[in-house]
Amino acid sequence: MKYAMLIDSENAKPQLDEIFQEISKYGETPIRYLIGDFTTFQAKNWVPLCQKYAISCIQTMNFTSGKNSLDISLVIEGMKILYEKSYIDGLILVASDSDYTPLCREWRNMGKDVIGIGKMNSPESYRASCTKFIYIENLLTKTFETKESSLPLDKIKKFVLELIDSNNGRCQMSLVCESLLKAFPDFDVRSYGYSKSIDFFKNEFSELRLEEGIKNTYFLIINDYPKPIKPVKPIPKKEPKPKKAKKAEPKKKKANNLEVLREEIDDDDLPF
């Protein structure tokens, strides 16, 4: 997967080490743009990071006081990439502003992935417009702990239990995580103090039991459901015995014409 990365210098902090470590899990970022007014002191702090990560800086100025032209410039760059760079599969947007919701929706409408990276207080409309939304707080903290503004755990539990119940009480864990991300783009087990999904389901879901499958796959099973019955091995069919070849009957000798004539003529009919 190839992504275009757009960064709002006024809406994000210059903390890119953790961000680039995170986005490396999803693919490459051949396009990296930082939009900002680099004549200000705040934007100058980004320059060393732009040199380190080969990010192109796009200069934007506010021509009128009280108006923020940076958002418009970022949206224009995002639309240009969407319609001019067909090899790009998705957008990574480092910002926390709801003004970017229409841009994310346009990328989604074109069948592209949108990964948003922003603060916990990012508007819900912006988070919902992304395919996946990552909280910057989860990337910057080394020790995982439950965040106050995380998605309510009761809401997650209700969704997971209904999903597994509709699947006859048994569902693969990876499919559950995939469905959670589709329903809640900002879902992240790190928001609840866990670094792995398997630990999250083990400790937070007493209603479920975990069963290991083949090739490191795991299944989540509702406790009330009976354990799956092992399939009975089919009885192997007996192969039919090959039929014995019939013995070839000996060929009858053709009778000689003279002998046939002698049989047809009686001795009395002979002239001698």
C-alpha atoms as a PDB file:
ATOM      1  CA  MET A   1       0.000   0.000   0.000  1.00  0.00           C
ATOM      2  CA  LYS A   2       1.199   3.488  -0.880  1.00  0.00           C
ATOM      3  CA  TYR A   3      -0.044   6.481   1.108  1.00  0.00           C
ATOM      4  CA  ALA A   4       0.171  10.236   0.792  1.00  0.00           C
ATOM      5  CA  MET A   5       0.958  11.876   4.129  1.00  0.00           C
ATOM      6  CA  LEU A   6      -0.345  15.375   4.863  1.00  0.00           C
ATOM      7  CA  ILE A   7       0.551  17.189   8.096  1.00  0.00           C
ATOM      8  CA  ASP A   8      -1.093  20.308   9.499  1.00  0.00           C
ATOM      9  CA  SER A   9       1.759  22.160  11.223  1.00  0.00           C
ATOM     10  CA  GLU A  10      -0.622  24.327  13.270  1.00  0.00           C
ATOM     11  CA  ASN A  11      -2.844  21.436  14.300  1.00  0.00           C
ATOM     12  CA  ALA A  12      -0.174  18.911  15.279  1.00  0.00           C
ATOM     13  CA  LYS A  13       2.984  18.848  17.362  1.00  0.00           C
ATOM     14  CA  PRO A  14       6.452  18.127  15.923  1.00  0.00           C
ATOM     15  CA  GLN A  15       6.567  14.546  17.247  1.00  0.00           C
ATOM     16  CA  LEU A  16       7.130  12.392  14.194  1.00  0.00           C
ATOM     17  CA  ASP A  17       9.361   9.585  15.472  1.00  0.00           C
ATOM     18  CA  GLU A  18       6.443   7.671  16.977  1.00  0.00           C
ATOM     19  CA  ILE A  19       4.138   8.514  14.085  1.00  0.00           C
ATOM     20  CA  PHE A  20       6.490   7.146  11.416  1.00  0.00           C
ATOM     21  CA  GLN A  21       7.085   4.036  13.486  1.00  0.00           C
ATOM     22  CA  GLU A  22       3.319   3.475  13.589  1.00  0.00           C
ATOM     23  CA  ILE A  23       2.517   4.142   9.929  1.00  0.00           C
ATOM     24  CA  SER A  24       5.301   1.824   8.767  1.00  0.00           C
ATOM     25  CA  LYS A  25       2.909  -1.029   9.654  1.00  0.00           C
ATOM     26  CA  TYR A  26       0.499   0.006   6.912  1.00  0.00           C
ATOM     27  CA  GLY A  27       2.742   0.690   3.922  1.00  0.00           C
ATOM     28  CA  GLU A  28       4.943   3.235   2.189  1.00  0.00           C
ATOM     29  CA  THR A  29       4.555   7.025   2.133  1.00  0.00           C
ATOM     30  CA  PRO A  30       6.133   8.225  -1.129  1.00  0.00           C
ATOM     31  CA  ILE A  31       4.371  11.600  -0.773  1.00  0.00           C
ATOM     32  CA  ARG A  32       4.995  13.572   2.451  1.00  0.00           C
ATOM     33  CA  TYR A  33       3.787  17.179   2.707  1.00  0.00           C
ATOM     34  CA  LEU A  34       3.925  19.532   5.667  1.00  0.00           C
ATOM     35  CA  ILE A  35       1.677  22.552   5.216  1.00  0.00           C
ATOM     36  CA  GLY A  36       2.373  25.662   7.293  1.00  0.00           C
ATOM     37  CA  ASP A  37       3.594  29.220   7.574  1.00  0.00           C
ATOM     38  CA  PHE A  38       7.330  28.753   8.113  1.00  0.00           C
ATOM     39  CA  THR A  39       7.915  32.417   8.825  1.00  0.00           C
ATOM     40  CA  THR A  40       6.482  31.876  12.325  1.00  0.00           C
ATOM     41  CA  PHE A  41       8.476  30.541  15.240  1.00  0.00           C
ATOM     42  CA  GLN A  42       6.087  27.628  15.797  1.00  0.00           C
ATOM     43  CA  ALA A  43       6.530  26.251  12.269  1.00  0.00           C
ATOM     44  CA  LYS A  44      10.320  26.562  12.406  1.00  0.00           C
ATOM     45  CA  ASN A  45      10.436  23.727  14.947  1.00  0.00           C
ATOM     46  CA  TRP A  46       9.332  21.396  12.156  1.00  0.00           C
ATOM     47  CA  VAL A  47      12.306  22.074   9.889  1.00  0.00           C
ATOM     48  CA  PRO A  48      14.767  19.583  11.490  1.00  0.00           C
ATOM     49  CA  LEU A  49      12.135  16.824  11.338  1.00  0.00           C
ATOM     50  CA  CYS A  50      11.394  17.604   7.710  1.00  0.00           C
ATOM     51  CA  GLN A  51      15.070  17.148   6.915  1.00  0.00           C
ATOM     52  CA  LYS A  52      15.217  13.898   8.868  1.00  0.00           C
ATOM     53  CA  TYR A  53      12.152  12.298   7.235  1.00  0.00           C
ATOM     54  CA  ALA A  54      12.419  13.902   3.772  1.00  0.00           C
ATOM     55  CA  ILE A  55       9.168  15.845   4.082  1.00  0.00           C
ATOM     56  CA  SER A  56       8.357  18.545   1.528  1.00  0.00           C
ATOM     57  CA  CYS A  57       7.350  21.852   3.115  1.00  0.00           C
ATOM     58  CA  ILE A  58       4.517  23.805   1.492  1.00  0.00           C
ATOM     59  CA  GLN A  59       4.507  27.466   2.486  1.00  0.00           C
ATOM     60  CA  THR A  60       1.112  28.996   3.269  1.00  0.00           C
ATOM     61  CA  MET A  61       0.409  32.475   4.598  1.00  0.00           C
ATOM     62  CA  ASN A  62      -2.669  34.053   6.122  1.00  0.00           C
ATOM     63  CA  PHE A  63      -3.458  36.971   3.842  1.00  0.00           C
ATOM     64  CA  THR A  64      -6.139  38.314   6.193  1.00  0.00           C
ATOM     65  CA  SER A  65      -5.995  38.431   9.966  1.00  0.00           C
ATOM     66  CA  GLY A  66      -8.399  36.046  11.665  1.00  0.00           C
ATOM     67  CA  LYS A  67      -8.562  33.739   8.638  1.00  0.00           C
ATOM     68  CA  ASN A  68      -6.779  30.418   8.498  1.00  0.00           C
ATOM     69  CA  SER A  69      -5.763  29.651   4.920  1.00  0.00           C
ATOM     70  CA  LEU A  70      -3.726  26.615   5.992  1.00  0.00           C
ATOM     71  CA  ASP A  71      -6.773  24.326   6.067  1.00  0.00           C
ATOM     72  CA  ILE A  72      -7.722  25.317   2.527  1.00  0.00           C
ATOM     73  CA  SER A  73      -4.175  24.742   1.277  1.00  0.00           C
ATOM     74  CA  LEU A  74      -4.083  21.263   2.805  1.00  0.00           C
ATOM     75  CA  VAL A  75      -7.445  20.345   1.284  1.00  0.00           C
ATOM     76  CA  ILE A  76      -6.281  21.568  -2.146  1.00  0.00           C
ATOM     77  CA  GLU A  77      -3.130  19.446  -1.938  1.00  0.00           C
ATOM     78  CA  GLY A  78      -5.189  16.462  -0.856  1.00  0.00           C
ATOM     79  CA  MET A  79      -7.568  16.812  -3.795  1.00  0.00           C
ATOM     80  CA  LYS A  80      -4.723  17.241  -6.278  1.00  0.00           C
ATOM     81  CA  ILE A  81      -3.103  14.028  -5.063  1.00  0.00           C
ATOM     82  CA  LEU A  82      -6.428  12.167  -5.161  1.00  0.00           C
ATOM     83  CA  TYR A  83      -7.118  12.968  -8.822  1.00  0.00           C
ATOM     84  CA  GLU A  84      -3.585  13.244 -10.212  1.00  0.00           C
ATOM     85  CA  LYS A  85      -1.660  10.457  -8.434  1.00  0.00           C
ATOM     86  CA  SER A  86      -3.497   7.271  -9.346  1.00  0.00           C
ATOM     87  CA  TYR A  87      -0.787   5.064  -7.804  1.00  0.00           C
ATOM     88  CA  ILE A  88      -1.625   6.340  -4.297  1.00  0.00           C
ATOM     89  CA  ASP A  89      -3.847   3.917  -2.364  1.00  0.00           C
ATOM     90  CA  GLY A  90      -4.702   6.046   0.648  1.00  0.00           C
ATOM     91  CA  LEU A  91      -4.258   9.166   2.746  1.00  0.00           C
ATOM     92  CA  ILE A  92      -2.586   9.616   6.136  1.00  0.00           C
ATOM     93  CA  LEU A  93      -3.754  12.848   7.704  1.00  0.00           C
ATOM     94  CA  VAL A  94      -1.994  14.156  10.812  1.00  0.00           C
ATOM     95  CA  ALA A  95      -4.472  16.674  12.215  1.00  0.00           C
ATOM     96  CA  SER A  96      -7.336  17.016  14.697  1.00  0.00           C
ATOM     97  CA  ASP A  97      -9.591  19.464  12.879  1.00  0.00           C
ATOM     98  CA  SER A  98     -13.144  18.692  11.782  1.00  0.00           C
ATOM     99  CA  ASP A  99     -12.632  20.935   8.725  1.00  0.00           C
ATOM    100  CA  TYR A 100     -10.918  17.983   7.063  1.00  0.00           C
ATOM    101  CA  THR A 101     -14.002  15.756   7.265  1.00  0.00           C
ATOM    102  CA  PRO A 102     -15.153  16.513   3.653  1.00  0.00           C
ATOM    103  CA  LEU A 103     -11.648  15.742   2.365  1.00  0.00           C
ATOM    104  CA  CYS A 104     -11.644  12.372   4.124  1.00  0.00           C
ATOM    105  CA  ARG A 105     -15.109  11.581   2.816  1.00  0.00           C
ATOM    106  CA  GLU A 106     -14.057  12.364  -0.765  1.00  0.00           C
ATOM    107  CA  TRP A 107     -11.101   9.984  -0.490  1.00  0.00           C
ATOM    108  CA  ARG A 108     -13.384   7.302   0.958  1.00  0.00           C
ATOM    109  CA  ASN A 109     -15.906   7.816  -1.844  1.00  0.00           C
ATOM    110  CA  MET A 110     -13.124   7.124  -4.348  1.00  0.00           C
ATOM    111  CA  GLY A 111     -12.407   3.782  -2.651  1.00  0.00           C
ATOM    112  CA  LYS A 112      -9.251   4.942  -0.869  1.00  0.00           C
ATOM    113  CA  ASP A 113      -8.114   4.282   2.701  1.00  0.00           C
ATOM    114  CA  VAL A 114      -7.912   7.196   5.123  1.00  0.00           C
ATOM    115  CA  ILE A 115      -5.845   6.930   8.303  1.00  0.00           C
ATOM    116  CA  GLY A 116      -6.264   9.837  10.682  1.00  0.00           C
ATOM    117  CA  ILE A 117      -3.795  10.603  13.465  1.00  0.00           C
ATOM    118  CA  GLY A 118      -4.929  13.149  16.026  1.00  0.00           C
ATOM    119  CA  LYS A 119      -5.747  13.984  19.615  1.00  0.00           C
ATOM    120  CA  MET A 120      -8.322  12.363  21.878  1.00  0.00           C
ATOM    121  CA  ASN A 121     -10.499  15.454  21.628  1.00  0.00           C
ATOM    122  CA  SER A 122     -10.774  15.218  17.836  1.00  0.00           C
ATOM    123  CA  PRO A 123     -14.394  15.713  16.706  1.00  0.00           C
ATOM    124  CA  GLU A 124     -16.413  12.542  16.221  1.00  0.00           C
ATOM    125  CA  SER A 125     -17.358  13.480  12.650  1.00  0.00           C
ATOM    126  CA  TYR A 126     -13.694  13.648  11.672  1.00  0.00           C
ATOM    127  CA  ARG A 127     -12.872  10.346  13.374  1.00  0.00           C
ATOM    128  CA  ALA A 128     -15.850   8.622  11.751  1.00  0.00           C
ATOM    129  CA  SER A 129     -14.831   9.823   8.280  1.00  0.00           C
ATOM    130  CA  CYS A 130     -11.555   7.863   8.501  1.00  0.00           C
ATOM    131  CA  THR A 131     -11.028   4.196   7.760  1.00  0.00           C
ATOM    132  CA  LYS A 132      -8.891   4.062  10.889  1.00  0.00           C
ATOM    133  CA  PHE A 133      -8.195   6.754  13.458  1.00  0.00           C
ATOM    134  CA  ILE A 134      -5.139   6.581  15.748  1.00  0.00           C
ATOM    135  CA  TYR A 135      -4.892   8.632  18.921  1.00  0.00           C
ATOM    136  CA  ILE A 136      -1.587  10.425  19.154  1.00  0.00           C
ATOM    137  CA  GLU A 137      -1.649   9.909  22.947  1.00  0.00           C
ATOM    138  CA  ASN A 138      -1.398   6.135  22.409  1.00  0.00           C
ATOM    139  CA  LEU A 139       1.769   6.620  20.365  1.00  0.00           C
ATOM    140  CA  LEU A 140       3.525   8.986  22.748  1.00  0.00           C
ATOM    141  CA  THR A 141       2.915   7.086  26.010  1.00  0.00           C
ATOM    142  CA  LYS A 142       5.198   4.114  26.653  1.00  0.00           C
ATOM    143  CA  THR A 143       3.036   2.743  29.480  1.00  0.00           C
ATOM    144  CA  PHE A 144      -0.467   1.861  28.382  1.00  0.00           C
ATOM    145  CA  GLU A 145      -3.335   3.037  30.536  1.00  0.00           C
ATOM    146  CA  THR A 146      -7.045   3.573  30.002  1.00  0.00           C
ATOM    147  CA  LYS A 147      -7.777   7.024  28.633  1.00  0.00           C
ATOM    148  CA  GLU A 148     -10.736   9.043  29.911  1.00  0.00           C
ATOM    149  CA  SER A 149     -12.088   9.868  26.458  1.00  0.00           C
ATOM    150  CA  SER A 150     -11.767   6.348  25.071  1.00  0.00           C
ATOM    151  CA  LEU A 151     -14.672   4.635  23.353  1.00  0.00           C
ATOM    152  CA  PRO A 152     -16.927   3.263  26.150  1.00  0.00           C
ATOM    153  CA  LEU A 153     -16.076  -0.355  26.897  1.00  0.00           C
ATOM    154  CA  ASP A 154     -19.761  -1.254  27.370  1.00  0.00           C
ATOM    155  CA  LYS A 155     -20.419  -0.184  23.795  1.00  0.00           C
ATOM    156  CA  ILE A 156     -17.569  -2.364  22.567  1.00  0.00           C
ATOM    157  CA  LYS A 157     -18.789  -5.366  24.585  1.00  0.00           C
ATOM    158  CA  LYS A 158     -22.322  -5.082  23.257  1.00  0.00           C
ATOM    159  CA  PHE A 159     -21.103  -4.940  19.663  1.00  0.00           C
ATOM    160  CA  VAL A 160     -18.710  -7.894  20.055  1.00  0.00           C
ATOM    161  CA  LEU A 161     -21.204 -10.162  21.837  1.00  0.00           C
ATOM    162  CA  GLU A 162     -23.937  -9.450  19.282  1.00  0.00           C
ATOM    163  CA  LEU A 163     -21.501 -10.103  16.447  1.00  0.00           C
ATOM    164  CA  ILE A 164     -20.348 -13.460  17.841  1.00  0.00           C
ATOM    165  CA  ASP A 165     -23.909 -14.476  18.766  1.00  0.00           C
ATOM    166  CA  SER A 166     -25.032 -13.875  15.174  1.00  0.00           C
ATOM    167  CA  ASN A 167     -22.221 -16.190  14.073  1.00  0.00           C
ATOM    168  CA  ASN A 168     -23.483 -19.151  16.135  1.00  0.00           C
ATOM    169  CA  GLY A 169     -21.475 -18.158  19.205  1.00  0.00           C
ATOM    170  CA  ARG A 170     -18.065 -18.555  17.588  1.00  0.00           C
ATOM    171  CA  CYS A 171     -15.954 -16.145  15.548  1.00  0.00           C
ATOM    172  CA  GLN A 172     -12.315 -15.716  14.604  1.00  0.00           C
ATOM    173  CA  MET A 173     -10.620 -12.989  16.637  1.00  0.00           C
ATOM    174  CA  SER A 174      -9.099 -11.269  13.627  1.00  0.00           C
ATOM    175  CA  LEU A 175     -12.550 -10.934  12.034  1.00  0.00           C
ATOM    176  CA  VAL A 176     -13.922  -9.445  15.259  1.00  0.00           C
ATOM    177  CA  CYS A 177     -11.132  -6.833  15.288  1.00  0.00           C
ATOM    178  CA  GLU A 178     -11.753  -6.054  11.627  1.00  0.00           C
ATOM    179  CA  SER A 179     -15.479  -5.558  12.272  1.00  0.00           C
ATOM    180  CA  LEU A 180     -14.730  -3.332  15.260  1.00  0.00           C
ATOM    181  CA  LEU A 181     -12.568  -1.053  13.116  1.00  0.00           C
ATOM    182  CA  LYS A 182     -15.308  -0.786  10.510  1.00  0.00           C
ATOM    183  CA  ALA A 183     -17.862   0.154  13.157  1.00  0.00           C
ATOM    184  CA  PHE A 184     -15.526   2.293  15.300  1.00  0.00           C
ATOM    185  CA  PRO A 185     -12.539   3.683  13.316  1.00  0.00           C
ATOM    186  CA  ASP A 186     -10.943   4.984  16.534  1.00  0.00           C
ATOM    187  CA  PHE A 187     -10.977   1.580  18.274  1.00  0.00           C
ATOM    188  CA  ASP A 188      -7.534   0.718  19.631  1.00  0.00           C
ATOM    189  CA  VAL A 189      -6.726  -1.750  22.411  1.00  0.00           C
ATOM    190  CA  ARG A 190      -3.979   0.632  23.544  1.00  0.00           C
ATOM    191  CA  SER A 191      -6.714   3.010  24.668  1.00  0.00           C
ATOM    192  CA  TYR A 192      -7.697   0.429  27.308  1.00  0.00           C
ATOM    193  CA  GLY A 193      -4.214  -0.302  28.595  1.00  0.00           C
ATOM    194  CA  TYR A 194      -3.267  -3.268  26.375  1.00  0.00           C
ATOM    195  CA  SER A 195      -0.641  -3.696  23.712  1.00  0.00           C
ATOM    196  CA  LYS A 196      -2.165  -6.851  22.151  1.00  0.00           C
ATOM    197  CA  SER A 197      -5.695  -7.741  21.134  1.00  0.00           C
ATOM    198  CA  ILE A 198      -5.505 -11.204  22.699  1.00  0.00           C
ATOM    199  CA  ASP A 199      -4.807  -9.713  26.154  1.00  0.00           C
ATOM    200  CA  PHE A 200      -7.678  -7.265  25.720  1.00  0.00           C
ATOM    201  CA  PHE A 201     -10.242 -10.006  25.029  1.00  0.00           C
ATOM    202  CA  LYS A 202      -8.874 -12.299  27.736  1.00  0.00           C
ATOM    203  CA  ASN A 203      -9.105  -9.725  30.525  1.00  0.00           C
ATOM    204  CA  GLU A 204     -12.072  -7.568  29.541  1.00  0.00           C
ATOM    205  CA  PHE A 205     -14.532 -10.206  28.275  1.00  0.00           C
ATOM    206  CA  SER A 206     -15.509 -12.662  30.995  1.00  0.00           C
ATOM    207  CA  GLU A 207     -18.407 -13.740  28.756  1.00  0.00           C
ATOM    208  CA  LEU A 208     -15.999 -15.215  26.214  1.00  0.00           C
ATOM    209  CA  ARG A 209     -13.486 -17.986  26.137  1.00  0.00           C
ATOM    210  CA  LEU A 210     -10.503 -18.147  23.837  1.00  0.00           C
ATOM    211  CA  GLU A 211      -9.706 -21.161  21.703  1.00  0.00           C
ATOM    212  CA  GLU A 212      -6.543 -21.576  19.690  1.00  0.00           C
ATOM    213  CA  GLY A 213      -6.824 -22.852  16.160  1.00  0.00           C
ATOM    214  CA  ILE A 214      -4.272 -23.875  13.575  1.00  0.00           C
ATOM    215  CA  LYS A 215      -1.497 -21.581  12.362  1.00  0.00           C
ATOM    216  CA  ASN A 216      -1.699 -19.161  15.326  1.00  0.00           C
ATOM    217  CA  THR A 217      -5.369 -18.322  14.784  1.00  0.00           C
ATOM    218  CA  TYR A 218      -7.683 -17.687  17.725  1.00  0.00           C
ATOM    219  CA  PHE A 219     -11.446 -17.985  18.090  1.00  0.00           C
ATOM    220  CA  LEU A 220     -13.718 -16.127  20.498  1.00  0.00           C
ATOM    221  CA  ILE A 221     -16.550 -18.313  21.825  1.00  0.00           C
ATOM    222  CA  ILE A 222     -19.446 -17.303  24.060  1.00  0.00           C
ATOM    223  CA  ASN A 223     -19.351 -19.312  27.293  1.00  0.00           C
ATOM    224  CA  ASP A 224     -23.046 -20.255  27.118  1.00  0.00           C
ATOM    225  CA  TYR A 225     -22.552 -22.008  23.832  1.00  0.00           C
ATOM    226  CA  PRO A 226     -21.524 -25.684  23.875  1.00  0.00           C
ATOM    227  CA  LYS A 227     -18.110 -26.654  22.695  1.00  0.00           C
ATOM    228  CA  PRO A 228     -18.039 -27.498  19.014  1.00  0.00           C
ATOM    229  CA  ILE A 229     -18.493 -31.160  18.222  1.00  0.00           C
ATOM    230  CA  LYS A 230     -15.545 -32.666  16.485  1.00  0.00           C
ATOM    231  CA  PRO A 231     -16.486 -33.684  12.972  1.00  0.00           C
ATOM    232  CA  VAL A 232     -16.747 -37.433  12.425  1.00  0.00           C
ATOM    233  CA  LYS A 233     -14.225 -38.725  10.004  1.00  0.00           C
ATOM    234  CA  PRO A 234     -15.964 -40.071   6.915  1.00  0.00           C
ATOM    235  CA  ILE A 235     -15.716 -43.812   6.382  1.00  0.00           C
ATOM    236  CA  PRO A 236     -13.469 -44.404   3.409  1.00  0.00           C
ATOM    237  CA  LYS A 237     -15.302 -45.911   0.496  1.00  0.00           C
ATOM    238  CA  LYS A 238     -14.179 -49.325  -0.590  1.00  0.00           C
ATOM    239  CA  GLU A 239     -12.824 -49.277  -4.043  1.00  0.00           C
ATOM    240  CA  PRO A 240     -14.582 -51.749  -6.344  1.00  0.00           C
ATOM    241  CA  LYS A 241     -12.530 -54.788  -7.181  1.00  0.00           C
ATOM    242  CA  PRO A 242     -11.355 -54.841 -10.760  1.00  0.00           C
ATOM    243  CA  LYS A 243     -13.339 -57.206 -12.905  1.00  0.00           C
ATOM    244  CA  LYS A 244     -11.551 -60.310 -14.053  1.00  0.00           C
ATOM    245  CA  ALA A 245     -10.954 -60.385 -17.734  1.00  0.00           C
ATOM    246  CA  LYS A 246     -12.894 -63.106 -19.500  1.00  0.00           C
ATOM    247  CA  LYS A 247     -10.848 -65.852 -21.066  1.00  0.00           C
ATOM    248  CA  ALA A 248     -10.829 -65.576 -24.785  1.00  0.00           C
ATOM    249  CA  GLU A 249     -12.715 -68.461 -26.393  1.00  0.00           C
ATOM    250  CA  PRO A 250     -10.662 -70.483 -28.883  1.00  0.00           C
ATOM    251  CA  LYS A 251     -11.336 -69.509 -32.393  1.00  0.00           C
ATOM    252  CA  LYS A 252     -13.213 -72.056 -34.415  1.00  0.00           C
ATOM    253  CA  LYS A 253     -11.399 -73.356 -37.424  1.00  0.00           C
ATOM    254  CA  LYS A 254     -13.017 -72.547 -40.689  1.00  0.00           C
ATOM    255  CA  ALA A 255     -14.293 -75.659 -42.392  1.00  0.00           C
ATOM    256  CA  ASN A 256     -12.693 -76.672 -45.663  1.00  0.00           C
ATOM    257  CA  ASN A 257     -15.008 -76.317 -48.695  1.00  0.00           C
ATOM    258  CA  LEU A 258     -14.292 -79.912 -49.745  1.00  0.00           C
ATOM    259  CA  GLU A 259     -15.265 -81.285 -46.321  1.00  0.00           C
ATOM    260  CA  VAL A 260     -18.508 -79.319 -46.353  1.00  0.00           C
ATOM    261  CA  LEU A 261     -19.314 -80.736 -49.764  1.00  0.00           C
ATOM    262  CA  ARG A 262     -18.686 -84.302 -48.578  1.00  0.00           C
ATOM    263  CA  GLU A 263     -21.050 -83.827 -45.622  1.00  0.00           C
ATOM    264  CA  GLU A 264     -23.835 -82.544 -47.829  1.00  0.00           C
ATOM    265  CA  ILE A 265     -23.557 -85.390 -50.370  1.00  0.00           C
ATOM    266  CA  ASP A 266     -24.508 -88.895 -49.196  1.00  0.00           C
ATOM    267  CA  ASP A 267     -22.451 -91.905 -50.128  1.00  0.00           C
ATOM    268  CA  ASP A 268     -25.323 -93.313 -52.144  1.00  0.00           C
ATOM    269  CA  ASP A 269     -25.375 -90.329 -54.390  1.00  0.00           C
ATOM    270  CA  LEU A 270     -21.863 -90.937 -55.487  1.00  0.00           C
ATOM    271  CA  PRO A 271     -21.464 -92.417 -58.987  1.00  0.00           C
ATOM    272  CA  PHE A 272     -18.846 -94.917 -57.889  1.00  0.00           C
END
